Amino acid sequence: MASAMEQAVVTIVNAYERHAGIRGDRYTLSQGELKELLQKELPTWCPTELREEDYNKFMSLLDTNKDCQVDFVEYMRAIACLCLYCHEYFKNCPPDPPCSQ
């Protein structure tokens, strides 16, 4: 039986795999695919009132190599940042996260 952490890793990878490549390269997320992933996989963390320009800004923050795609490394960086900024455990952590890019 897989541990909780192993299951979490599989869930994170499977979410990326389900959404990447729907509209192109199966190893990257386009802006539309990223938007769909956020809406379907993080519905309570992704407010429905986000505007298109909000998604544009989020995409530009994640797309660190500026290729107009979010690769798996960029995606994992976003997952790590979500954990740092949204989980109660990190609320009193020193304000020097690796998500400043």
N, C-alpha and C. Protein backbone atom coordinates (compact mmCIF):
# COMPACT_ATOMS: atom_id res chain seq x y z
N MET A 1 0.85 -1.18 0.00
CA MET A 1 0.00 0.00 0.00
C MET A 1 0.90 1.25 0.00
N ALA A 2 0.55 2.18 -0.82
CA ALA A 2 1.33 3.43 -0.94
C ALA A 2 1.08 4.31 0.28
N SER A 3 2.13 5.01 0.68
CA SER A 3 2.01 5.96 1.79
C SER A 3 1.22 7.19 1.33
N ALA A 4 0.82 8.01 2.27
CA ALA A 4 0.08 9.23 1.94
C ALA A 4 0.92 10.15 1.05
N MET A 5 2.23 10.25 1.33
CA MET A 5 3.07 11.11 0.52
C MET A 5 3.22 10.56 -0.90
N GLU A 6 3.37 9.26 -1.02
CA GLU A 6 3.45 8.64 -2.35
C GLU A 6 2.16 8.90 -3.13
N GLN A 7 1.03 8.77 -2.48
CA GLN A 7 -0.26 9.05 -3.13
C GLN A 7 -0.37 10.51 -3.55
N ALA A 8 0.14 11.41 -2.71
CA ALA A 8 0.10 12.83 -3.03
C ALA A 8 0.94 13.13 -4.27
N VAL A 9 2.13 12.53 -4.34
CA VAL A 9 2.99 12.74 -5.51
C VAL A 9 2.29 12.22 -6.76
N VAL A 10 1.70 11.06 -6.70
CA VAL A 10 0.98 10.49 -7.85
C VAL A 10 -0.16 11.42 -8.26
N THR A 11 -0.87 11.96 -7.29
CA THR A 11 -1.99 12.87 -7.57
C THR A 11 -1.50 14.13 -8.27
N ILE A 12 -0.40 14.69 -7.79
CA ILE A 12 0.15 15.92 -8.39
C ILE A 12 0.60 15.65 -9.83
N VAL A 13 1.30 14.55 -10.04
CA VAL A 13 1.77 14.21 -11.39
C VAL A 13 0.59 13.90 -12.31
N ASN A 14 -0.38 13.14 -11.82
CA ASN A 14 -1.54 12.80 -12.65
C ASN A 14 -2.35 14.03 -13.04
N ALA A 15 -2.49 14.99 -12.14
CA ALA A 15 -3.22 16.22 -12.47
C ALA A 15 -2.52 16.95 -13.60
N TYR A 16 -1.20 17.04 -13.52
CA TYR A 16 -0.44 17.69 -14.59
C TYR A 16 -0.63 16.93 -15.91
N GLU A 17 -0.47 15.63 -15.85
CA GLU A 17 -0.57 14.79 -17.05
C GLU A 17 -1.95 14.89 -17.70
N ARG A 18 -3.02 14.94 -16.89
CA ARG A 18 -4.38 15.04 -17.43
C ARG A 18 -4.60 16.33 -18.21
N HIS A 19 -3.95 17.40 -17.79
CA HIS A 19 -4.21 18.71 -18.40
C HIS A 19 -3.17 19.12 -19.44
N ALA A 20 -1.95 18.64 -19.31
CA ALA A 20 -0.90 19.01 -20.26
C ALA A 20 -1.16 18.33 -21.61
N GLY A 21 -0.95 19.08 -22.65
CA GLY A 21 -1.04 18.52 -23.98
C GLY A 21 -2.41 18.43 -24.58
N ILE A 22 -3.43 18.87 -23.89
CA ILE A 22 -4.77 18.85 -24.47
C ILE A 22 -4.79 19.71 -25.74
N ARG A 23 -4.05 20.82 -25.69
CA ARG A 23 -4.00 21.74 -26.82
C ARG A 23 -2.60 21.85 -27.43
N GLY A 24 -1.77 20.83 -27.31
CA GLY A 24 -0.42 20.92 -27.87
C GLY A 24 0.53 19.94 -27.23
N ASP A 25 1.71 20.42 -26.86
CA ASP A 25 2.77 19.60 -26.28
C ASP A 25 2.29 18.90 -25.01
N ARG A 26 2.42 17.59 -24.97
CA ARG A 26 1.92 16.83 -23.82
C ARG A 26 2.79 16.95 -22.58
N TYR A 27 3.92 17.65 -22.69
CA TYR A 27 4.81 17.83 -21.54
C TYR A 27 4.78 19.25 -20.99
N THR A 28 3.90 20.08 -21.50
CA THR A 28 3.77 21.44 -21.00
C THR A 28 2.29 21.83 -20.91
N LEU A 29 2.04 22.86 -20.12
CA LEU A 29 0.70 23.43 -20.01
C LEU A 29 0.66 24.76 -20.75
N SER A 30 -0.31 24.92 -21.61
CA SER A 30 -0.57 26.23 -22.21
C SER A 30 -1.33 27.05 -21.18
N GLN A 31 -1.56 28.31 -21.46
CA GLN A 31 -2.31 29.14 -20.52
C GLN A 31 -3.72 28.59 -20.32
N GLY A 32 -4.36 28.15 -21.39
CA GLY A 32 -5.70 27.59 -21.28
C GLY A 32 -5.73 26.31 -20.46
N GLU A 33 -4.71 25.47 -20.66
CA GLU A 33 -4.62 24.23 -19.90
C GLU A 33 -4.36 24.52 -18.42
N LEU A 34 -3.51 25.51 -18.15
CA LEU A 34 -3.24 25.90 -16.77
C LEU A 34 -4.51 26.41 -16.11
N LYS A 35 -5.25 27.23 -16.81
CA LYS A 35 -6.51 27.77 -16.27
C LYS A 35 -7.47 26.63 -15.95
N GLU A 36 -7.59 25.68 -16.86
CA GLU A 36 -8.48 24.54 -16.65
C GLU A 36 -8.01 23.69 -15.46
N LEU A 37 -6.71 23.46 -15.35
CA LEU A 37 -6.17 22.70 -14.23
C LEU A 37 -6.51 23.39 -12.91
N LEU A 38 -6.29 24.69 -12.84
CA LEU A 38 -6.58 25.43 -11.61
C LEU A 38 -8.06 25.34 -11.25
N GLN A 39 -8.92 25.51 -12.24
CA GLN A 39 -10.36 25.50 -11.98
C GLN A 39 -10.86 24.12 -11.57
N LYS A 40 -10.32 23.07 -12.19
CA LYS A 40 -10.81 21.72 -11.89
C LYS A 40 -10.12 21.06 -10.71
N GLU A 41 -8.82 21.29 -10.56
CA GLU A 41 -8.07 20.59 -9.54
C GLU A 41 -7.98 21.37 -8.22
N LEU A 42 -8.14 22.68 -8.26
CA LEU A 42 -8.08 23.51 -7.05
C LEU A 42 -9.31 24.43 -6.99
N PRO A 43 -10.50 23.88 -7.07
CA PRO A 43 -11.69 24.73 -7.18
C PRO A 43 -11.93 25.64 -5.97
N THR A 44 -11.56 25.21 -4.78
CA THR A 44 -11.79 26.07 -3.62
C THR A 44 -10.64 27.05 -3.40
N TRP A 45 -9.51 26.84 -4.07
CA TRP A 45 -8.36 27.75 -3.96
C TRP A 45 -8.32 28.72 -5.12
N CYS A 46 -9.10 28.48 -6.14
CA CYS A 46 -9.10 29.31 -7.35
C CYS A 46 -10.47 29.96 -7.48
N PRO A 47 -10.60 31.17 -7.01
CA PRO A 47 -11.91 31.83 -7.06
C PRO A 47 -12.46 31.92 -8.48
N THR A 48 -13.75 31.71 -8.60
CA THR A 48 -14.40 31.76 -9.91
C THR A 48 -14.41 33.18 -10.48
N GLU A 49 -14.22 34.18 -9.63
CA GLU A 49 -14.26 35.55 -10.11
C GLU A 49 -12.92 36.03 -10.69
N LEU A 50 -11.94 35.13 -10.83
CA LEU A 50 -10.68 35.54 -11.46
C LEU A 50 -10.95 35.95 -12.90
N ARG A 51 -10.34 37.03 -13.29
CA ARG A 51 -10.49 37.53 -14.65
C ARG A 51 -9.39 36.97 -15.53
N GLU A 52 -9.55 37.10 -16.81
CA GLU A 52 -8.55 36.59 -17.75
C GLU A 52 -7.18 37.22 -17.50
N GLU A 53 -7.17 38.51 -17.15
CA GLU A 53 -5.88 39.15 -16.87
C GLU A 53 -5.21 38.58 -15.61
N ASP A 54 -6.02 38.04 -14.68
CA ASP A 54 -5.44 37.38 -13.51
C ASP A 54 -4.72 36.10 -13.92
N TYR A 55 -5.33 35.35 -14.83
CA TYR A 55 -4.68 34.14 -15.34
C TYR A 55 -3.43 34.51 -16.14
N ASN A 56 -3.51 35.60 -16.91
CA ASN A 56 -2.33 36.05 -17.66
C ASN A 56 -1.17 36.36 -16.71
N LYS A 57 -1.47 37.03 -15.62
CA LYS A 57 -0.42 37.38 -14.66
C LYS A 57 0.14 36.13 -13.99
N PHE A 58 -0.73 35.22 -13.59
CA PHE A 58 -0.29 33.98 -12.98
C PHE A 58 0.59 33.19 -13.93
N MET A 59 0.18 33.12 -15.19
CA MET A 59 0.96 32.42 -16.20
C MET A 59 2.34 33.06 -16.34
N SER A 60 2.40 34.37 -16.39
CA SER A 60 3.70 35.03 -16.56
C SER A 60 4.61 34.81 -15.35
N LEU A 61 4.02 34.69 -14.16
CA LEU A 61 4.81 34.40 -12.97
C LEU A 61 5.36 32.97 -12.98
N LEU A 62 4.56 32.04 -13.43
CA LEU A 62 4.99 30.64 -13.45
C LEU A 62 5.97 30.35 -14.59
N ASP A 63 5.76 30.99 -15.71
CA ASP A 63 6.56 30.73 -16.91
C ASP A 63 7.91 31.44 -16.80
N THR A 64 8.79 30.88 -15.97
CA THR A 64 10.05 31.55 -15.68
C THR A 64 11.01 31.61 -16.87
N ASN A 65 10.89 30.66 -17.80
CA ASN A 65 11.78 30.70 -18.97
C ASN A 65 11.13 31.44 -20.15
N LYS A 66 9.93 31.97 -19.94
CA LYS A 66 9.22 32.82 -20.91
C LYS A 66 9.02 32.16 -22.28
N ASP A 67 8.65 30.86 -22.26
CA ASP A 67 8.37 30.17 -23.52
C ASP A 67 6.86 30.02 -23.77
N CYS A 68 6.06 30.72 -22.96
CA CYS A 68 4.59 30.71 -23.08
C CYS A 68 3.99 29.34 -22.76
N GLN A 69 4.71 28.55 -22.01
CA GLN A 69 4.26 27.24 -21.55
C GLN A 69 4.71 27.07 -20.11
N VAL A 70 4.00 26.24 -19.36
CA VAL A 70 4.42 25.89 -18.01
C VAL A 70 4.87 24.44 -18.05
N ASP A 71 6.18 24.23 -17.87
CA ASP A 71 6.69 22.86 -17.86
C ASP A 71 6.53 22.28 -16.46
N PHE A 72 6.91 21.02 -16.30
CA PHE A 72 6.69 20.34 -15.03
C PHE A 72 7.46 20.98 -13.88
N VAL A 73 8.68 21.45 -14.13
CA VAL A 73 9.47 22.09 -13.08
C VAL A 73 8.78 23.38 -12.63
N GLU A 74 8.30 24.17 -13.57
CA GLU A 74 7.59 25.41 -13.23
C GLU A 74 6.30 25.09 -12.46
N TYR A 75 5.62 24.04 -12.87
CA TYR A 75 4.40 23.58 -12.20
C TYR A 75 4.71 23.17 -10.75
N MET A 76 5.78 22.41 -10.56
CA MET A 76 6.14 21.96 -9.21
C MET A 76 6.54 23.14 -8.33
N ARG A 77 7.18 24.13 -8.92
CA ARG A 77 7.52 25.34 -8.17
C ARG A 77 6.23 26.02 -7.68
N ALA A 78 5.22 26.02 -8.53
CA ALA A 78 3.93 26.62 -8.15
C ALA A 78 3.28 25.83 -7.03
N ILE A 79 3.35 24.50 -7.10
CA ILE A 79 2.78 23.66 -6.04
C ILE A 79 3.50 23.95 -4.72
N ALA A 80 4.83 24.04 -4.76
CA ALA A 80 5.61 24.35 -3.55
C ALA A 80 5.20 25.71 -2.99
N CYS A 81 5.03 26.69 -3.86
CA CYS A 81 4.64 28.03 -3.41
C CYS A 81 3.24 28.01 -2.79
N LEU A 82 2.33 27.25 -3.39
CA LEU A 82 0.99 27.14 -2.80
C LEU A 82 1.08 26.57 -1.39
N CYS A 83 1.91 25.56 -1.22
CA CYS A 83 2.09 24.98 0.13
C CYS A 83 2.62 26.02 1.10
N LEU A 84 3.64 26.76 0.66
CA LEU A 84 4.25 27.76 1.54
C LEU A 84 3.29 28.88 1.92
N TYR A 85 2.52 29.34 0.96
CA TYR A 85 1.66 30.49 1.20
C TYR A 85 0.29 30.15 1.76
N CYS A 86 -0.16 28.91 1.57
CA CYS A 86 -1.54 28.59 1.91
C CYS A 86 -1.69 27.62 3.07
N HIS A 87 -0.65 26.94 3.47
CA HIS A 87 -0.79 25.96 4.55
C HIS A 87 -0.47 26.59 5.90
N GLU A 88 -1.28 26.28 6.86
CA GLU A 88 -1.16 26.85 8.20
C GLU A 88 0.23 26.61 8.82
N TYR A 89 0.84 25.47 8.53
CA TYR A 89 2.14 25.13 9.09
C TYR A 89 3.19 26.20 8.80
N PHE A 90 3.11 26.84 7.63
CA PHE A 90 4.13 27.80 7.21
C PHE A 90 3.78 29.26 7.53
N LYS A 91 2.68 29.50 8.21
CA LYS A 91 2.24 30.88 8.46
C LYS A 91 3.28 31.71 9.19
N ASN A 92 4.03 31.14 10.11
CA ASN A 92 5.01 31.90 10.87
C ASN A 92 6.45 31.64 10.41
N CYS A 93 6.57 31.07 9.24
CA CYS A 93 7.88 30.79 8.65
C CYS A 93 8.56 32.11 8.25
N PRO A 94 9.88 32.19 8.33
CA PRO A 94 10.56 33.42 7.88
C PRO A 94 10.17 33.77 6.45
N PRO A 95 9.96 35.04 6.16
CA PRO A 95 9.45 35.46 4.84
C PRO A 95 10.51 35.46 3.75
N ASP A 96 11.16 34.35 3.54
CA ASP A 96 12.18 34.26 2.50
C ASP A 96 11.98 33.01 1.66
N PRO A 97 10.73 32.80 1.09
CA PRO A 97 10.46 31.58 0.35
C PRO A 97 11.16 31.57 -1.01
N PRO A 98 11.35 30.39 -1.59
CA PRO A 98 12.01 30.27 -2.89
C PRO A 98 11.07 30.61 -4.04
N CYS A 99 9.99 31.30 -3.77
CA CYS A 99 8.98 31.57 -4.79
C CYS A 99 9.02 33.01 -5.28
N SER A 100 10.11 33.68 -5.09
CA SER A 100 10.17 35.11 -5.40
C SER A 100 10.37 35.40 -6.88
N GLN A 101 10.47 34.38 -7.70
CA GLN A 101 10.72 34.60 -9.14
C GLN A 101 9.55 35.20 -9.82
